[in-house]
């Protein structure tokens, strides 16, 4: 399993999985050392692995931070084994912008979000090389009203 954009490694901590964790930030990887998992400092747009190296690749809250999200999706495809799966989670910037602006009185966009990735774009990027197993909006259940704040897609390498 490969986790691209692992940050400080908190997503899978205590999950029982032992992924190879990759991030472009050495500062964040230093904080991820507590996971005990293999850590790689590299750019997700140029993964330092051989073709067909992983059964599973996770890309959680990463696509919106890069200028060329299609390149990361292509790299995920390259390092996945045939039949391998990938999971993508990306924020619904439309709802998040509205919430930031109205509820919090903050600027509508996060300054480090370089790309807006609506579900149609995820399907279009993935559909070139993957079969889309599932794709849906993920509501935040702890809010008094259902905001679909994230998009989730599970893809299989053809």
N, C-alpha and C. Protein backbone atom coordinates (compact mmCIF):
# COMPACT_ATOMS: atom_id res chain seq x y z
N UNK A 1 0.85 -1.18 0.00
CA UNK A 1 0.00 0.00 0.00
C UNK A 1 0.90 1.24 0.00
N UNK A 2 0.50 2.21 -0.81
CA UNK A 2 1.20 3.50 -0.89
C UNK A 2 0.21 4.60 -0.53
N UNK A 3 0.62 5.49 0.36
CA UNK A 3 -0.17 6.67 0.69
C UNK A 3 0.58 7.89 0.16
N UNK A 4 0.05 8.50 -0.89
CA UNK A 4 0.66 9.68 -1.50
C UNK A 4 0.13 10.91 -0.77
N UNK A 5 1.03 11.77 -0.31
CA UNK A 5 0.62 12.96 0.43
C UNK A 5 0.21 12.63 1.85
N UNK A 6 1.03 11.85 2.53
CA UNK A 6 0.66 11.35 3.87
C UNK A 6 0.72 12.42 4.95
N UNK A 7 1.37 13.54 4.67
CA UNK A 7 1.49 14.57 5.70
C UNK A 7 2.22 14.03 6.92
N UNK A 8 1.61 14.15 8.07
CA UNK A 8 2.22 13.70 9.32
C UNK A 8 1.90 12.24 9.64
N UNK A 9 1.25 11.55 8.71
CA UNK A 9 1.00 10.13 8.87
C UNK A 9 -0.15 9.76 9.77
N UNK A 10 -1.03 10.70 10.07
CA UNK A 10 -2.09 10.44 11.05
C UNK A 10 -3.26 9.64 10.48
N UNK A 11 -3.48 9.68 9.18
CA UNK A 11 -4.66 9.03 8.60
C UNK A 11 -4.72 7.54 8.91
N UNK A 12 -3.62 6.84 8.74
CA UNK A 12 -3.63 5.39 8.92
C UNK A 12 -3.00 4.93 10.24
N UNK A 13 -2.63 5.87 11.08
CA UNK A 13 -2.03 5.50 12.36
C UNK A 13 -3.02 4.66 13.17
N UNK A 14 -2.57 3.52 13.64
CA UNK A 14 -3.41 2.65 14.44
C UNK A 14 -4.41 1.83 13.64
N UNK A 15 -4.32 1.88 12.31
CA UNK A 15 -5.29 1.17 11.47
C UNK A 15 -4.93 -0.30 11.25
N UNK A 16 -3.70 -0.67 11.55
CA UNK A 16 -3.25 -2.02 11.27
C UNK A 16 -2.57 -2.14 9.91
N UNK A 17 -2.68 -1.11 9.08
CA UNK A 17 -1.99 -1.10 7.79
C UNK A 17 -0.59 -0.53 7.99
N UNK A 18 0.33 -0.95 7.15
CA UNK A 18 1.70 -0.44 7.20
C UNK A 18 2.10 0.04 5.80
N UNK A 19 1.53 1.15 5.36
CA UNK A 19 1.81 1.61 4.01
C UNK A 19 3.19 2.26 3.89
N UNK A 20 3.67 2.32 2.66
CA UNK A 20 4.77 3.21 2.34
C UNK A 20 4.13 4.60 2.30
N UNK A 21 4.68 5.53 3.06
CA UNK A 21 4.08 6.87 3.15
C UNK A 21 4.99 7.88 2.46
N UNK A 22 4.40 8.64 1.55
CA UNK A 22 5.14 9.59 0.72
C UNK A 22 4.58 10.98 0.90
N UNK A 23 5.46 11.96 1.04
CA UNK A 23 5.04 13.35 1.09
C UNK A 23 6.16 14.21 0.53
N UNK A 24 5.80 15.37 0.00
CA UNK A 24 6.79 16.28 -0.55
C UNK A 24 7.47 17.11 0.54
N UNK A 25 6.88 17.14 1.74
CA UNK A 25 7.38 17.96 2.84
C UNK A 25 8.20 17.13 3.83
N UNK A 26 9.49 17.42 3.91
CA UNK A 26 10.34 16.73 4.87
C UNK A 26 9.92 17.08 6.31
N UNK A 27 9.44 18.29 6.53
CA UNK A 27 8.98 18.70 7.86
C UNK A 27 7.84 17.80 8.33
N UNK A 28 6.88 17.54 7.45
CA UNK A 28 5.76 16.67 7.83
C UNK A 28 6.20 15.23 7.98
N UNK A 29 7.09 14.78 7.12
CA UNK A 29 7.58 13.40 7.23
C UNK A 29 8.32 13.18 8.55
N UNK A 30 9.04 14.18 9.02
CA UNK A 30 9.72 14.04 10.32
C UNK A 30 8.71 13.76 11.42
N UNK A 31 7.54 14.39 11.34
CA UNK A 31 6.49 14.16 12.33
C UNK A 31 5.83 12.80 12.13
N UNK A 32 5.93 12.23 10.92
CA UNK A 32 5.33 10.93 10.63
C UNK A 32 6.21 9.77 11.07
N UNK A 33 7.42 10.04 11.51
CA UNK A 33 8.34 8.96 11.90
C UNK A 33 7.76 8.07 12.99
N UNK A 34 6.89 8.61 13.80
CA UNK A 34 6.29 7.83 14.89
C UNK A 34 5.46 6.66 14.37
N UNK A 35 5.05 6.70 13.10
CA UNK A 35 4.24 5.59 12.57
C UNK A 35 5.07 4.32 12.42
N UNK A 36 6.39 4.47 12.24
CA UNK A 36 7.24 3.30 12.02
C UNK A 36 7.15 2.76 10.60
N UNK A 37 6.36 3.40 9.75
CA UNK A 37 6.22 2.97 8.36
C UNK A 37 7.36 3.53 7.52
N UNK A 38 7.64 2.90 6.38
CA UNK A 38 8.64 3.46 5.47
C UNK A 38 8.18 4.84 4.98
N UNK A 39 9.08 5.82 5.04
CA UNK A 39 8.76 7.19 4.64
C UNK A 39 9.64 7.60 3.47
N UNK A 40 9.02 8.24 2.48
CA UNK A 40 9.73 8.69 1.28
C UNK A 40 9.41 10.16 1.07
N UNK A 41 10.43 10.99 0.90
CA UNK A 41 10.22 12.40 0.55
C UNK A 41 10.34 12.51 -0.97
N UNK A 42 9.21 12.75 -1.62
CA UNK A 42 9.19 12.84 -3.09
C UNK A 42 7.92 13.54 -3.53
N UNK A 43 7.89 13.91 -4.78
CA UNK A 43 6.75 14.58 -5.41
C UNK A 43 5.81 13.52 -5.98
N UNK A 44 4.53 13.63 -5.67
CA UNK A 44 3.54 12.68 -6.18
C UNK A 44 3.41 12.70 -7.69
N UNK A 45 3.91 13.74 -8.34
CA UNK A 45 3.84 13.81 -9.80
C UNK A 45 5.00 13.08 -10.46
N UNK A 46 5.92 12.56 -9.65
CA UNK A 46 7.06 11.80 -10.16
C UNK A 46 7.44 10.76 -9.12
N UNK A 47 6.60 9.73 -8.99
CA UNK A 47 6.78 8.73 -7.94
C UNK A 47 8.05 7.91 -8.18
N UNK A 48 8.87 7.72 -7.14
CA UNK A 48 10.15 7.02 -7.29
C UNK A 48 10.03 5.50 -7.14
N UNK A 49 9.04 4.92 -7.81
CA UNK A 49 8.80 3.48 -7.71
C UNK A 49 8.69 2.89 -9.11
N UNK A 50 8.99 1.62 -9.20
CA UNK A 50 8.86 0.90 -10.48
C UNK A 50 7.38 0.76 -10.84
N UNK A 51 7.12 0.54 -12.10
CA UNK A 51 5.76 0.27 -12.56
C UNK A 51 5.20 -0.93 -11.80
N UNK A 52 3.90 -0.92 -11.56
CA UNK A 52 3.19 -2.05 -10.95
C UNK A 52 3.80 -2.48 -9.61
N UNK A 53 4.06 -1.53 -8.73
CA UNK A 53 4.68 -1.82 -7.43
C UNK A 53 3.69 -2.04 -6.30
N UNK A 54 2.47 -1.52 -6.42
CA UNK A 54 1.54 -1.51 -5.28
C UNK A 54 0.17 -2.07 -5.67
N UNK A 55 -0.48 -2.73 -4.70
CA UNK A 55 -1.86 -3.21 -4.87
C UNK A 55 -2.86 -2.09 -4.60
N UNK A 56 -2.51 -1.17 -3.71
CA UNK A 56 -3.41 -0.09 -3.29
C UNK A 56 -2.62 1.21 -3.22
N UNK A 57 -3.23 2.28 -3.74
CA UNK A 57 -2.66 3.63 -3.60
C UNK A 57 -3.75 4.54 -3.05
N UNK A 58 -3.44 5.27 -1.99
CA UNK A 58 -4.37 6.23 -1.38
C UNK A 58 -3.94 7.65 -1.72
N UNK A 59 -4.92 8.46 -2.03
CA UNK A 59 -4.68 9.87 -2.34
C UNK A 59 -5.76 10.66 -1.60
N UNK A 60 -5.50 11.00 -0.36
CA UNK A 60 -6.50 11.61 0.50
C UNK A 60 -6.16 13.09 0.70
N UNK A 61 -7.04 13.96 0.19
CA UNK A 61 -6.89 15.42 0.32
C UNK A 61 -5.56 15.90 -0.23
N UNK A 62 -5.25 15.48 -1.46
CA UNK A 62 -3.99 15.86 -2.12
C UNK A 62 -4.24 16.60 -3.43
N UNK A 63 -5.16 16.10 -4.25
CA UNK A 63 -5.34 16.64 -5.60
C UNK A 63 -5.55 18.15 -5.63
N UNK A 64 -6.25 18.68 -4.65
CA UNK A 64 -6.54 20.11 -4.63
C UNK A 64 -5.30 20.96 -4.35
N UNK A 65 -4.23 20.33 -3.90
CA UNK A 65 -3.00 21.07 -3.56
C UNK A 65 -1.98 21.12 -4.69
N UNK A 66 -2.28 20.50 -5.81
CA UNK A 66 -1.30 20.45 -6.91
C UNK A 66 -1.83 21.15 -8.15
N UNK A 67 -0.91 21.68 -8.94
CA UNK A 67 -1.31 22.41 -10.14
C UNK A 67 -1.69 21.49 -11.29
N UNK A 68 -1.20 20.25 -11.28
CA UNK A 68 -1.49 19.30 -12.35
C UNK A 68 -2.00 17.98 -11.77
N UNK A 69 -3.23 17.95 -11.28
CA UNK A 69 -3.73 16.73 -10.64
C UNK A 69 -3.74 15.52 -11.57
N UNK A 70 -3.90 15.75 -12.87
CA UNK A 70 -3.90 14.64 -13.82
C UNK A 70 -2.57 13.87 -13.78
N UNK A 71 -1.48 14.58 -13.55
CA UNK A 71 -0.17 13.91 -13.49
C UNK A 71 -0.08 12.96 -12.31
N UNK A 72 -0.65 13.34 -11.19
CA UNK A 72 -0.63 12.44 -10.03
C UNK A 72 -1.48 11.21 -10.31
N UNK A 73 -2.64 11.41 -10.91
CA UNK A 73 -3.51 10.27 -11.23
C UNK A 73 -2.79 9.34 -12.21
N UNK A 74 -2.09 9.88 -13.19
CA UNK A 74 -1.32 9.05 -14.13
C UNK A 74 -0.22 8.28 -13.40
N UNK A 75 0.45 8.92 -12.46
CA UNK A 75 1.50 8.25 -11.69
C UNK A 75 0.92 7.14 -10.81
N UNK A 76 -0.26 7.38 -10.23
CA UNK A 76 -0.90 6.34 -9.43
C UNK A 76 -1.17 5.13 -10.30
N UNK A 77 -1.67 5.37 -11.51
CA UNK A 77 -1.95 4.27 -12.43
C UNK A 77 -0.67 3.50 -12.74
N UNK A 78 0.41 4.23 -12.97
CA UNK A 78 1.69 3.60 -13.33
C UNK A 78 2.19 2.67 -12.23
N UNK A 79 2.11 3.09 -10.97
CA UNK A 79 2.68 2.27 -9.89
C UNK A 79 1.72 1.21 -9.37
N UNK A 80 0.46 1.25 -9.80
CA UNK A 80 -0.50 0.21 -9.39
C UNK A 80 -0.29 -1.07 -10.20
N UNK A 81 -0.46 -2.19 -9.51
CA UNK A 81 -0.46 -3.48 -10.20
C UNK A 81 -1.76 -3.62 -10.98
N UNK A 82 -1.79 -4.45 -12.03
CA UNK A 82 -3.05 -4.68 -12.74
C UNK A 82 -4.12 -5.17 -11.76
N UNK A 83 -5.30 -4.58 -11.85
CA UNK A 83 -6.38 -4.91 -10.93
C UNK A 83 -6.29 -4.20 -9.59
N UNK A 84 -5.21 -3.42 -9.39
CA UNK A 84 -5.03 -2.69 -8.13
C UNK A 84 -6.07 -1.60 -7.98
N UNK A 85 -6.25 -1.16 -6.75
CA UNK A 85 -7.27 -0.14 -6.46
C UNK A 85 -6.64 1.12 -5.89
N UNK A 86 -7.30 2.21 -6.15
CA UNK A 86 -6.90 3.48 -5.55
C UNK A 86 -8.13 4.17 -5.00
N UNK A 87 -7.93 4.93 -3.95
CA UNK A 87 -9.01 5.71 -3.35
C UNK A 87 -8.59 7.17 -3.38
N UNK A 88 -9.52 8.01 -3.81
CA UNK A 88 -9.28 9.45 -3.88
C UNK A 88 -10.34 10.15 -3.03
N UNK A 89 -9.89 11.05 -2.17
CA UNK A 89 -10.80 11.91 -1.41
C UNK A 89 -10.35 13.34 -1.68
N UNK A 90 -11.30 14.19 -2.06
CA UNK A 90 -10.98 15.59 -2.32
C UNK A 90 -12.13 16.45 -1.82
N UNK A 91 -11.84 17.65 -1.31
CA UNK A 91 -12.92 18.49 -0.78
C UNK A 91 -13.85 19.00 -1.86
N UNK A 92 -15.09 19.20 -1.47
CA UNK A 92 -16.07 19.88 -2.31
C UNK A 92 -15.86 21.37 -2.06
N UNK A 93 -15.05 22.00 -2.90
CA UNK A 93 -14.71 23.40 -2.69
C UNK A 93 -15.91 24.33 -2.72
N UNK A 94 -16.95 23.96 -3.46
CA UNK A 94 -18.14 24.83 -3.52
C UNK A 94 -18.75 24.97 -2.13
N UNK A 95 -19.00 23.85 -1.45
CA UNK A 95 -19.57 23.90 -0.11
C UNK A 95 -18.60 24.48 0.89
N UNK A 96 -17.32 24.10 0.79
CA UNK A 96 -16.34 24.60 1.74
C UNK A 96 -16.19 26.11 1.61
N UNK A 97 -16.19 26.61 0.39
CA UNK A 97 -16.08 28.06 0.18
C UNK A 97 -17.26 28.79 0.78
N UNK A 98 -18.45 28.25 0.57
CA UNK A 98 -19.66 28.86 1.12
C UNK A 98 -19.60 28.87 2.64
N UNK A 99 -19.22 27.75 3.23
CA UNK A 99 -19.13 27.66 4.69
C UNK A 99 -18.09 28.61 5.26
N UNK A 100 -16.95 28.68 4.61
CA UNK A 100 -15.89 29.59 5.08
C UNK A 100 -16.35 31.04 5.01
N UNK A 101 -17.04 31.39 3.94
CA UNK A 101 -17.46 32.77 3.73
C UNK A 101 -18.60 33.17 4.66
N UNK A 102 -19.65 32.34 4.71
CA UNK A 102 -20.86 32.69 5.46
C UNK A 102 -20.72 32.39 6.95
N UNK A 103 -20.31 31.18 7.29
CA UNK A 103 -20.28 30.78 8.69
C UNK A 103 -19.08 31.35 9.45
N UNK A 104 -17.94 31.38 8.81
CA UNK A 104 -16.72 31.77 9.51
C UNK A 104 -16.21 33.16 9.17
N UNK A 105 -16.78 33.76 8.11
CA UNK A 105 -16.34 35.08 7.64
C UNK A 105 -14.87 35.06 7.21
N UNK A 106 -14.43 33.91 6.69
CA UNK A 106 -13.06 33.76 6.19
C UNK A 106 -13.07 33.92 4.68
N UNK A 107 -11.88 34.10 4.07
CA UNK A 107 -11.83 34.10 2.60
C UNK A 107 -12.39 32.78 2.06
N UNK A 108 -13.05 32.80 0.91
CA UNK A 108 -13.74 31.61 0.42
C UNK A 108 -12.84 30.43 0.05
N UNK A 109 -11.59 30.67 -0.30
CA UNK A 109 -10.72 29.56 -0.71
C UNK A 109 -9.55 29.43 0.24
N UNK A 110 -9.14 28.19 0.43
CA UNK A 110 -7.90 27.96 1.15
C UNK A 110 -6.76 28.42 0.24
N UNK A 111 -5.79 29.14 0.76
CA UNK A 111 -4.74 29.66 -0.11
C UNK A 111 -3.89 28.58 -0.77
N UNK A 112 -3.82 27.39 -0.15
CA UNK A 112 -3.00 26.34 -0.74
C UNK A 112 -3.79 25.38 -1.63
N UNK A 113 -5.07 25.67 -1.88
CA UNK A 113 -5.84 24.87 -2.83
C UNK A 113 -5.63 25.45 -4.22
N UNK A 114 -4.89 24.74 -5.05
CA UNK A 114 -4.54 25.23 -6.38
C UNK A 114 -5.52 24.77 -7.45
N UNK A 115 -6.23 23.69 -7.18
CA UNK A 115 -7.14 23.12 -8.18
C UNK A 115 -8.49 22.83 -7.54
N UNK A 116 -9.54 23.02 -8.32
CA UNK A 116 -10.88 22.62 -7.88
C UNK A 116 -11.18 21.31 -8.58
N UNK A 117 -11.56 20.30 -7.82
CA UNK A 117 -11.73 18.96 -8.35
C UNK A 117 -13.16 18.49 -8.12
N UNK A 118 -14.12 18.90 -8.94
CA UNK A 118 -15.48 18.38 -8.79
C UNK A 118 -15.55 16.92 -9.23
N UNK A 119 -16.61 16.21 -8.86
CA UNK A 119 -16.70 14.78 -9.18
C UNK A 119 -16.55 14.48 -10.67
N UNK A 120 -17.07 15.36 -11.53
CA UNK A 120 -16.97 15.12 -12.97
C UNK A 120 -15.50 15.09 -13.41
N UNK A 121 -14.70 15.95 -12.80
CA UNK A 121 -13.28 15.99 -13.18
C UNK A 121 -12.56 14.74 -12.69
N UNK A 122 -12.91 14.27 -11.49
CA UNK A 122 -12.31 13.02 -10.99
C UNK A 122 -12.67 11.88 -11.94
N UNK A 123 -13.94 11.80 -12.34
CA UNK A 123 -14.36 10.74 -13.27
C UNK A 123 -13.64 10.85 -14.60
N UNK A 124 -13.48 12.07 -15.09
CA UNK A 124 -12.81 12.27 -16.38
C UNK A 124 -11.33 11.88 -16.29
N UNK A 125 -10.66 12.30 -15.23
CA UNK A 125 -9.25 11.94 -15.05
C UNK A 125 -9.08 10.44 -14.90
N UNK A 126 -9.95 9.85 -14.09
CA UNK A 126 -9.84 8.42 -13.80
C UNK A 126 -10.27 7.56 -14.97
N UNK A 127 -11.30 8.01 -15.68
CA UNK A 127 -11.88 7.20 -16.74
C UNK A 127 -10.94 6.90 -17.88
N UNK A 128 -9.85 7.64 -17.98
CA UNK A 128 -8.89 7.38 -19.05
C UNK A 128 -8.15 6.07 -18.82
N UNK A 129 -7.95 5.69 -17.57
CA UNK A 129 -7.12 4.51 -17.29
C UNK A 129 -7.70 3.57 -16.24
N UNK A 130 -8.70 4.03 -15.54
CA UNK A 130 -9.28 3.25 -14.45
C UNK A 130 -10.74 2.97 -14.74
N UNK A 131 -11.27 1.93 -14.13
CA UNK A 131 -12.73 1.81 -14.07
C UNK A 131 -13.14 2.40 -12.72
N UNK A 132 -14.20 3.20 -12.73
CA UNK A 132 -14.67 3.85 -11.52
C UNK A 132 -15.58 2.86 -10.79
N UNK A 133 -15.13 2.34 -9.67
CA UNK A 133 -15.90 1.37 -8.90
C UNK A 133 -17.03 2.05 -8.14
N UNK A 134 -16.73 3.21 -7.56
CA UNK A 134 -17.75 4.00 -6.87
C UNK A 134 -17.27 5.45 -6.80
N UNK A 135 -18.21 6.36 -6.79
CA UNK A 135 -17.90 7.78 -6.65
C UNK A 135 -19.13 8.44 -6.03
N UNK A 136 -18.93 9.17 -4.96
CA UNK A 136 -20.07 9.80 -4.30
C UNK A 136 -19.60 10.97 -3.45
N UNK A 137 -20.57 11.80 -3.08
CA UNK A 137 -20.32 12.91 -2.16
C UNK A 137 -20.43 12.37 -0.74
N UNK A 138 -19.57 12.83 0.10
CA UNK A 138 -19.49 12.35 1.48
C UNK A 138 -20.00 13.44 2.42
N UNK A 139 -21.17 13.24 3.03
CA UNK A 139 -21.70 14.28 3.92
C UNK A 139 -20.97 14.32 5.25
N UNK A 140 -21.02 15.47 5.87
CA UNK A 140 -20.49 15.62 7.22
C UNK A 140 -21.68 15.45 8.16
N UNK A 141 -21.73 14.34 8.88
CA UNK A 141 -22.91 13.98 9.65
C UNK A 141 -23.04 14.74 10.97
N UNK A 142 -21.96 15.32 11.45
CA UNK A 142 -22.04 16.01 12.74
C UNK A 142 -22.60 17.42 12.62
N UNK A 143 -22.82 17.90 11.41
CA UNK A 143 -23.43 19.21 11.23
C UNK A 143 -24.95 19.08 11.30
N UNK A 144 -25.66 20.12 11.73
CA UNK A 144 -27.12 20.04 11.82
C UNK A 144 -27.79 19.97 10.45
N UNK A 145 -27.05 20.21 9.40
CA UNK A 145 -27.57 20.09 8.04
C UNK A 145 -26.52 19.33 7.24
N UNK A 146 -26.95 18.58 6.25
CA UNK A 146 -26.03 17.71 5.52
C UNK A 146 -25.27 18.48 4.44
N UNK A 147 -24.02 18.75 4.70
CA UNK A 147 -23.15 19.34 3.69
C UNK A 147 -22.31 18.22 3.08
N UNK A 148 -22.35 18.12 1.78
CA UNK A 148 -21.47 17.17 1.11
C UNK A 148 -20.12 17.85 0.94
N UNK A 149 -19.28 17.73 1.96
CA UNK A 149 -18.04 18.49 1.98
C UNK A 149 -16.89 17.80 1.26
N UNK A 150 -17.02 16.51 0.95
CA UNK A 150 -15.93 15.79 0.29
C UNK A 150 -16.49 14.92 -0.82
N UNK A 151 -15.62 14.62 -1.78
CA UNK A 151 -15.94 13.64 -2.82
C UNK A 151 -15.02 12.44 -2.62
N UNK A 152 -15.58 11.25 -2.79
CA UNK A 152 -14.83 10.00 -2.64
C UNK A 152 -14.95 9.22 -3.93
N UNK A 153 -13.85 8.64 -4.38
CA UNK A 153 -13.89 7.76 -5.55
C UNK A 153 -12.98 6.57 -5.30
N UNK A 154 -13.47 5.39 -5.64
CA UNK A 154 -12.66 4.19 -5.61
C UNK A 154 -12.49 3.73 -7.05
N UNK A 155 -11.25 3.54 -7.46
CA UNK A 155 -10.93 3.23 -8.84
C UNK A 155 -10.16 1.92 -8.92
N UNK A 156 -10.34 1.21 -10.03
CA UNK A 156 -9.59 -0.03 -10.27
C UNK A 156 -8.81 0.11 -11.57
N UNK A 157 -7.55 -0.31 -11.52
CA UNK A 157 -6.72 -0.26 -12.72
C UNK A 157 -7.19 -1.30 -13.72
N UNK A 158 -7.38 -0.86 -14.95
CA UNK A 158 -7.82 -1.79 -16.00
C UNK A 158 -6.67 -2.64 -16.47
